[in-house]
Amino acid sequence: MAKILIIDDNLATISMLETLLKISGYEIVTAFDGPSGIEKALSEMPALILLDIMMPQMDGIEVCTRLRQTPQTAAVPIVFLSAKADEKDIKRGLEAGANESLLKPFNLEKLMQTVRKYAG
């Protein structure tokens, strides 16, 4: 069972993703902000990180940059889940090291295809 870390400040999004992914057989770890997300990524070593871009304290792009600069998490796949449809933000996320970006509200079939692609 692959472990997935969800980093998002929206409780409803986390709850929905957690339910969907647990039903699909994944182990879920959650964090509600960037600093705790980095901490959990290091302690839990997930197979995949689902990361929101817009968060208080530290946005997802900064979280992604820091995870890519840390040897233990540098190769962990990161998929942005964001309501930001601006091409500039998507480009910034990919330049920071994200593997993919999905827009909220996301298509559940596309989300599951992406999760299976990176977490098995």
Foldseek 3Di string as FASTA:
>chain_A
DFEEEEEAQDPVVVVVVCVVVVVVPYHYDYHNDLVVSLVCCVVVVGLEYEAEQDDPPHGRLRSLLVLCVDVSRVPRAYEYEYQDPDPVVQVSSVVSPHPYYAYPVGDVVVVVVVCVVRGD
